[in-house]
Structures are given as C-alpha cells and as structure tokens.
Amino acid sequence: MSLTRNRILNSPVIAAVKDDGELMQALSSECEVIFLLYGSLLNIGELTDRIHAAGKTAVVHIDLLDGLANREIAVDILLKFSRPDGIISTRPAMIRHARHAGLLTIQRAFIIDSMSVGNLIAQIGTGKPDFIEIMPGIMPRIIAEIGKQTHIPLIAGGLIKYRDEVISALDAGAVAVSTSSQAVWEM
C-alpha cells in the first residue's frame, strides 16, 4: 500500500482549499492531506511544491484546474508541470489514466438521488479509483450503503462544518472527511 494511500487512511480530516488564504491556513494546520480545489497550469507546480515543503500530501482536483481540457492528456500535462501525490476527478477515464500513471486517484461523486448512486456503482469499474469522495458528506446512511456496495474506501466531502458531522461520517464508514471548514481542521 502506498505511503500516500496510508496517509489518507490515517488522516480523518482533509483540508480542502479553494484559494491562497485557505492554503496558508491548511499548511499550518494539523491536516496532513490537502485537496487543492483551485489553481491553473501556470501555478500548480508552485502550489504543490508549497504543500510538499510543509511535509503534506497534495491531491489536485484536476477538473477544477484552469488551463486544462477535460481529457486524459490533462493528467500527463499535470505531471509535466507538477508532482501531485494524487488527483480528484468526476471522470472515470481521467481516474483510470491517472492510476496507470502511478497517481493516487479519488473519484468524486455528487449523490443527489438513487439514480446517482447506481451511476457511481457502474462507473467505478471503469476507473477503479483508490478512493471515492461522496458529496455531500452529511449523509451517513448513503455513506454506509455505498461503502457496502463498493468496498472502496470512502471520503465524505461537502457541507461538513461541525465536529458531530465529521464523527457521523466516520461512524458511517468513511475513512476521512474533506472540508473547507477550518474549524474542523484541528480535530
């Protein structure tokens, strides 16, 4: 099992950052894993370097990175300009390509109804992600249900703002939560 994968499995709270100010806070927080939810082709190398210099794990949400097309070659370009530890994407083909390139992969899924649960179950066979990030993360019953069906470690993300929501997600079977709420980064 890779060091990056182990770090996520042993880090119940992941800092999800959307700008430079949040990144500064995350770098000085107890969080060992940082999800970069912003950046561009021009600055992604510098952002991941800052995370690594702080001794933390950098996972880039490749779908949100400015300057890249939503095609598999985006993974190759990201690797040329940066050295992330992993990527997040909603696209199974992107996940598959990143996995073959040796990156840790997290497939993000927005769960809005039972059809989206079924779509997620069908899609994971294509990308075979290391983790699945369920959004919103405040649905313990759904976290437990998807965990039983996929047997892939789950990360709960989105709308998590309070300690009791973190505990509920972890109790439901999530291995971690990702949140931009700095109040829970120090749990």
C-alpha atoms as a PDB file:
ATOM      1  CA  MET A   1       0.000   0.000   0.000  1.00  0.00           C
ATOM      2  CA  SER A   2       1.425   3.375  -0.970  1.00  0.00           C
ATOM      3  CA  LEU A   3       2.556   5.976   1.514  1.00  0.00           C
ATOM      4  CA  THR A   4       0.007   8.452   0.108  1.00  0.00           C
ATOM      5  CA  ARG A   5      -2.842   5.966   0.452  1.00  0.00           C
ATOM      6  CA  ASN A   6      -1.800   5.181   4.031  1.00  0.00           C
ATOM      7  CA  ARG A   7      -1.611   8.870   4.844  1.00  0.00           C
ATOM      8  CA  ILE A   8      -5.214   9.378   3.731  1.00  0.00           C
ATOM      9  CA  LEU A   9      -6.371   6.302   5.620  1.00  0.00           C
ATOM     10  CA  ASN A  10      -4.716   7.709   8.755  1.00  0.00           C
ATOM     11  CA  SER A  11      -5.897  11.317   8.335  1.00  0.00           C
ATOM     12  CA  PRO A  12      -9.550  11.592   9.324  1.00  0.00           C
ATOM     13  CA  VAL A  13      -9.784  15.275   8.345  1.00  0.00           C
ATOM     14  CA  ILE A  14      -8.539  16.552   4.990  1.00  0.00           C
ATOM     15  CA  ALA A  15      -8.200  20.272   4.278  1.00  0.00           C
ATOM     16  CA  ALA A  16      -9.996  21.225   1.058  1.00  0.00           C
ATOM     17  CA  VAL A  17      -8.694  24.614  -0.093  1.00  0.00           C
ATOM     18  CA  LYS A  18     -10.136  26.983  -2.684  1.00  0.00           C
ATOM     19  CA  ASP A  19      -7.691  29.906  -2.557  1.00  0.00           C
ATOM     20  CA  ASP A  20      -4.261  31.057  -1.354  1.00  0.00           C
ATOM     21  CA  GLY A  21      -5.561  32.215   2.035  1.00  0.00           C
ATOM     22  CA  GLU A  22      -7.065  28.818   2.804  1.00  0.00           C
ATOM     23  CA  LEU A  23      -3.889  27.125   1.599  1.00  0.00           C
ATOM     24  CA  MET A  24      -1.820  29.209   4.049  1.00  0.00           C
ATOM     25  CA  GLN A  25      -4.125  28.125   6.879  1.00  0.00           C
ATOM     26  CA  ALA A  26      -4.032  24.472   5.784  1.00  0.00           C
ATOM     27  CA  LEU A  27      -0.244  24.468   5.620  1.00  0.00           C
ATOM     28  CA  SER A  28      -0.073  25.472   9.279  1.00  0.00           C
ATOM     29  CA  SER A  29      -2.927  23.160  10.350  1.00  0.00           C
ATOM     30  CA  GLU A  30      -2.709  19.629  11.710  1.00  0.00           C
ATOM     31  CA  CYS A  31      -4.125  18.266   8.431  1.00  0.00           C
ATOM     32  CA  GLU A  32      -1.584  16.098   6.659  1.00  0.00           C
ATOM     33  CA  VAL A  33      -3.522  15.883   3.384  1.00  0.00           C
ATOM     34  CA  ILE A  34      -4.600  18.878   1.315  1.00  0.00           C
ATOM     35  CA  PHE A  35      -7.095  18.792  -1.548  1.00  0.00           C
ATOM     36  CA  LEU A  36      -6.306  21.629  -3.978  1.00  0.00           C
ATOM     37  CA  LEU A  37      -9.618  22.812  -5.428  1.00  0.00           C
ATOM     38  CA  TYR A  38      -8.100  25.704  -7.367  1.00  0.00           C
ATOM     39  CA  GLY A  39      -5.107  26.612  -9.452  1.00  0.00           C
ATOM     40  CA  SER A  40      -4.032  26.869 -13.028  1.00  0.00           C
ATOM     41  CA  LEU A  41      -1.475  25.369 -15.298  1.00  0.00           C
ATOM     42  CA  LEU A  42       0.673  28.413 -14.514  1.00  0.00           C
ATOM     43  CA  ASN A  43       0.813  27.977 -10.728  1.00  0.00           C
ATOM     44  CA  ILE A  44       0.029  24.342  -9.935  1.00  0.00           C
ATOM     45  CA  GLY A  45       3.710  23.402  -9.648  1.00  0.00           C
ATOM     46  CA  GLU A  46       4.336  26.150  -7.094  1.00  0.00           C
ATOM     47  CA  LEU A  47       1.197  25.190  -5.119  1.00  0.00           C
ATOM     48  CA  THR A  48       2.113  21.503  -4.887  1.00  0.00           C
ATOM     49  CA  ASP A  49       5.727  22.424  -4.045  1.00  0.00           C
ATOM     50  CA  ARG A  50       4.480  24.528  -1.093  1.00  0.00           C
ATOM     51  CA  ILE A  51       2.389  21.615   0.161  1.00  0.00           C
ATOM     52  CA  HIS A  52       5.278  19.180  -0.138  1.00  0.00           C
ATOM     53  CA  ALA A  53       7.682  21.637   1.541  1.00  0.00           C
ATOM     54  CA  ALA A  54       5.306  21.624   4.532  1.00  0.00           C
ATOM     55  CA  GLY A  55       5.554  17.817   4.634  1.00  0.00           C
ATOM     56  CA  LYS A  56       1.979  17.308   3.496  1.00  0.00           C
ATOM     57  CA  THR A  57       0.250  15.333   0.744  1.00  0.00           C
ATOM     58  CA  ALA A  58      -1.019  17.258  -2.307  1.00  0.00           C
ATOM     59  CA  VAL A  59      -4.083  15.982  -4.162  1.00  0.00           C
ATOM     60  CA  VAL A  60      -5.199  18.132  -7.110  1.00  0.00           C
ATOM     61  CA  HIS A  61      -8.807  18.310  -8.294  1.00  0.00           C
ATOM     62  CA  ILE A  62      -7.878  18.105 -11.959  1.00  0.00           C
ATOM     63  CA  ASP A  63     -11.395  19.005 -13.176  1.00  0.00           C
ATOM     64  CA  LEU A  64     -11.074  22.425 -11.477  1.00  0.00           C
ATOM     65  CA  LEU A  65      -7.582  23.247 -12.757  1.00  0.00           C
ATOM     66  CA  ASP A  66      -7.678  26.209 -15.175  1.00  0.00           C
ATOM     67  CA  GLY A  67      -5.928  25.778 -18.493  1.00  0.00           C
ATOM     68  CA  LEU A  68      -6.536  22.058 -18.993  1.00  0.00           C
ATOM     69  CA  ALA A  69      -9.066  20.292 -21.137  1.00  0.00           C
ATOM     70  CA  ASN A  70     -11.234  17.607 -19.597  1.00  0.00           C
ATOM     71  CA  ARG A  71      -9.371  14.856 -21.415  1.00  0.00           C
ATOM     72  CA  GLU A  72      -6.927  12.199 -20.323  1.00  0.00           C
ATOM     73  CA  ILE A  73      -3.927  14.132 -21.620  1.00  0.00           C
ATOM     74  CA  ALA A  74      -4.586  16.602 -18.793  1.00  0.00           C
ATOM     75  CA  VAL A  75      -3.062  14.027 -16.422  1.00  0.00           C
ATOM     76  CA  ASP A  76       0.126  13.931 -18.482  1.00  0.00           C
ATOM     77  CA  ILE A  77       0.294  17.728 -18.584  1.00  0.00           C
ATOM     78  CA  LEU A  78      -0.276  17.944 -14.824  1.00  0.00           C
ATOM     79  CA  LEU A  79       2.586  15.513 -14.247  1.00  0.00           C
ATOM     80  CA  LYS A  80       4.858  17.548 -16.526  1.00  0.00           C
ATOM     81  CA  PHE A  81       4.232  20.813 -14.651  1.00  0.00           C
ATOM     82  CA  SER A  82       3.702  19.485 -11.146  1.00  0.00           C
ATOM     83  CA  ARG A  83       4.255  16.484  -8.926  1.00  0.00           C
ATOM     84  CA  PRO A  84       0.952  15.925  -7.127  1.00  0.00           C
ATOM     85  CA  ASP A  85       0.536  12.840  -4.995  1.00  0.00           C
ATOM     86  CA  GLY A  86      -2.873  12.234  -6.497  1.00  0.00           C
ATOM     87  CA  ILE A  87      -5.856  13.612  -8.341  1.00  0.00           C
ATOM     88  CA  ILE A  88      -9.563  14.029  -7.795  1.00  0.00           C
ATOM     89  CA  SER A  89     -11.936  13.814 -10.770  1.00  0.00           C
ATOM     90  CA  THR A  90     -15.553  13.061 -11.557  1.00  0.00           C
ATOM     91  CA  ARG A  91     -14.478  11.404 -14.818  1.00  0.00           C
ATOM     92  CA  PRO A  92     -13.755   7.652 -14.751  1.00  0.00           C
ATOM     93  CA  ALA A  93     -11.476   7.829 -17.829  1.00  0.00           C
ATOM     94  CA  MET A  94      -9.362  10.501 -16.120  1.00  0.00           C
ATOM     95  CA  ILE A  95      -9.168   8.333 -12.983  1.00  0.00           C
ATOM     96  CA  ARG A  96      -8.082   5.299 -14.994  1.00  0.00           C
ATOM     97  CA  HIS A  97      -5.369   7.261 -16.825  1.00  0.00           C
ATOM     98  CA  ALA A  98      -4.032   8.791 -13.595  1.00  0.00           C
ATOM     99  CA  ARG A  99      -3.966   5.377 -11.907  1.00  0.00           C
ATOM    100  CA  HIS A 100      -1.924   3.973 -14.798  1.00  0.00           C
ATOM    101  CA  ALA A 101       0.428   6.976 -14.446  1.00  0.00           C
ATOM    102  CA  GLY A 102       1.064   5.979 -10.820  1.00  0.00           C
ATOM    103  CA  LEU A 103      -1.017   8.639  -9.080  1.00  0.00           C
ATOM    104  CA  LEU A 104      -3.396   8.075  -6.194  1.00  0.00           C
ATOM    105  CA  THR A 105      -6.937   8.504  -7.517  1.00  0.00           C
ATOM    106  CA  ILE A 106     -10.121   9.787  -5.940  1.00  0.00           C
ATOM    107  CA  GLN A 107     -13.361   9.660  -7.884  1.00  0.00           C
ATOM    108  CA  ARG A 108     -15.710  12.406  -6.743  1.00  0.00           C
ATOM    109  CA  ALA A 109     -19.432  11.688  -6.962  1.00  0.00           C
ATOM    110  CA  PHE A 110     -22.345  14.011  -6.346  1.00  0.00           C
ATOM    111  CA  ILE A 111     -25.129  11.953  -4.803  1.00  0.00           C
ATOM    112  CA  ILE A 112     -28.473  13.635  -5.377  1.00  0.00           C
ATOM    113  CA  ASP A 113     -30.780  10.648  -5.746  1.00  0.00           C
ATOM    114  CA  SER A 114     -30.854   6.852  -6.048  1.00  0.00           C
ATOM    115  CA  MET A 115     -30.003   7.062  -9.753  1.00  0.00           C
ATOM    116  CA  SER A 116     -26.719   8.833  -8.958  1.00  0.00           C
ATOM    117  CA  VAL A 117     -25.838   6.025  -6.516  1.00  0.00           C
ATOM    118  CA  GLY A 118     -26.427   3.489  -9.305  1.00  0.00           C
ATOM    119  CA  ASN A 119     -24.372   5.548 -11.764  1.00  0.00           C
ATOM    120  CA  LEU A 120     -21.477   5.695  -9.313  1.00  0.00           C
ATOM    121  CA  ILE A 121     -21.540   1.929  -8.792  1.00  0.00           C
ATOM    122  CA  ALA A 122     -21.472   1.426 -12.568  1.00  0.00           C
ATOM    123  CA  GLN A 123     -18.663   3.960 -13.128  1.00  0.00           C
ATOM    124  CA  ILE A 124     -16.159   2.702 -10.574  1.00  0.00           C
ATOM    125  CA  GLY A 125     -15.477  -0.388 -12.665  1.00  0.00           C
ATOM    126  CA  THR A 126     -14.069   1.845 -15.402  1.00  0.00           C
ATOM    127  CA  GLY A 127     -11.691   3.971 -13.355  1.00  0.00           C
ATOM    128  CA  LYS A 128     -11.039   1.655 -10.395  1.00  0.00           C
ATOM    129  CA  PRO A 129     -10.237   4.556  -8.047  1.00  0.00           C
ATOM    130  CA  ASP A 130      -8.276   4.194  -4.823  1.00  0.00           C
ATOM    131  CA  PHE A 131     -10.951   6.221  -3.010  1.00  0.00           C
ATOM    132  CA  ILE A 132     -14.424   7.564  -3.674  1.00  0.00           C
ATOM    133  CA  GLU A 133     -15.397  11.001  -2.417  1.00  0.00           C
ATOM    134  CA  ILE A 134     -19.127  11.244  -1.733  1.00  0.00           C
ATOM    135  CA  MET A 135     -20.744  14.674  -1.864  1.00  0.00           C
ATOM    136  CA  PRO A 136     -22.474  15.948   0.128  1.00  0.00           C
ATOM    137  CA  GLY A 137     -20.787  14.223   3.020  1.00  0.00           C
ATOM    138  CA  ILE A 138     -23.576  14.733   5.525  1.00  0.00           C
ATOM    139  CA  MET A 139     -25.472  11.577   4.522  1.00  0.00           C
ATOM    140  CA  PRO A 140     -24.388   8.782   6.890  1.00  0.00           C
ATOM    141  CA  ARG A 141     -26.920   6.253   5.580  1.00  0.00           C
ATOM    142  CA  ILE A 142     -25.753   6.758   1.984  1.00  0.00           C
ATOM    143  CA  ILE A 143     -22.090   6.595   3.007  1.00  0.00           C
ATOM    144  CA  ALA A 144     -22.730   3.217   4.664  1.00  0.00           C
ATOM    145  CA  GLU A 145     -24.745   1.945   1.683  1.00  0.00           C
ATOM    146  CA  ILE A 146     -22.129   2.916  -0.921  1.00  0.00           C
ATOM    147  CA  GLY A 147     -19.343   1.538   1.262  1.00  0.00           C
ATOM    148  CA  LYS A 148     -21.044  -1.860   1.436  1.00  0.00           C
ATOM    149  CA  GLN A 149     -21.621  -1.939  -2.323  1.00  0.00           C
ATOM    150  CA  THR A 150     -18.193  -0.774  -3.497  1.00  0.00           C
ATOM    151  CA  HIS A 151     -15.686  -1.981  -0.896  1.00  0.00           C
ATOM    152  CA  ILE A 152     -13.596   1.085  -1.837  1.00  0.00           C
ATOM    153  CA  PRO A 153     -12.589   3.477   0.966  1.00  0.00           C
ATOM    154  CA  LEU A 154     -14.904   6.482   1.084  1.00  0.00           C
ATOM    155  CA  ILE A 155     -14.192  10.115   1.805  1.00  0.00           C
ATOM    156  CA  ALA A 156     -17.162  12.273   2.799  1.00  0.00           C
ATOM    157  CA  GLY A 157     -16.964  15.802   1.417  1.00  0.00           C
ATOM    158  CA  GLY A 158     -19.153  18.831   1.065  1.00  0.00           C
ATOM    159  CA  LEU A 159     -21.290  20.697   3.613  1.00  0.00           C
ATOM    160  CA  ILE A 160     -19.327  19.300   6.565  1.00  0.00           C
ATOM    161  CA  LYS A 161     -18.855  22.154   9.018  1.00  0.00           C
ATOM    162  CA  TYR A 162     -19.122  20.712  12.512  1.00  0.00           C
ATOM    163  CA  ARG A 163     -17.385  18.103  14.647  1.00  0.00           C
ATOM    164  CA  ASP A 164     -20.547  15.986  15.006  1.00  0.00           C
ATOM    165  CA  GLU A 165     -20.869  15.799  11.192  1.00  0.00           C
ATOM    166  CA  VAL A 166     -17.281  14.539  10.966  1.00  0.00           C
ATOM    167  CA  ILE A 167     -17.983  11.911  13.620  1.00  0.00           C
ATOM    168  CA  SER A 168     -21.233  10.825  11.914  1.00  0.00           C
ATOM    169  CA  ALA A 169     -19.481  10.396   8.563  1.00  0.00           C
ATOM    170  CA  LEU A 170     -16.614   8.420  10.132  1.00  0.00           C
ATOM    171  CA  ASP A 171     -19.058   6.274  12.147  1.00  0.00           C
ATOM    172  CA  ALA A 172     -20.954   5.517   8.911  1.00  0.00           C
ATOM    173  CA  GLY A 173     -17.802   4.077   7.367  1.00  0.00           C
ATOM    174  CA  ALA A 174     -15.979   6.990   5.745  1.00  0.00           C
ATOM    175  CA  VAL A 175     -12.208   6.774   6.227  1.00  0.00           C
ATOM    176  CA  ALA A 176     -11.919  10.572   6.153  1.00  0.00           C
ATOM    177  CA  VAL A 177     -13.796  13.783   5.506  1.00  0.00           C
ATOM    178  CA  SER A 178     -12.689  16.608   3.249  1.00  0.00           C
ATOM    179  CA  THR A 179     -13.803  20.049   4.284  1.00  0.00           C
ATOM    180  CA  SER A 180     -13.041  23.701   3.711  1.00  0.00           C
ATOM    181  CA  SER A 181     -14.293  24.430   7.240  1.00  0.00           C
ATOM    182  CA  GLN A 182     -11.168  25.451   9.101  1.00  0.00           C
ATOM    183  CA  ALA A 183     -12.980  24.929  12.398  1.00  0.00           C
ATOM    184  CA  VAL A 184     -12.697  21.135  11.992  1.00  0.00           C
ATOM    185  CA  TRP A 185      -9.181  21.008  10.526  1.00  0.00           C
ATOM    186  CA  GLU A 186      -7.755  20.790  14.045  1.00  0.00           C
ATOM    187  CA  MET A 187      -9.830  17.829  15.224  1.00  0.00           C
END
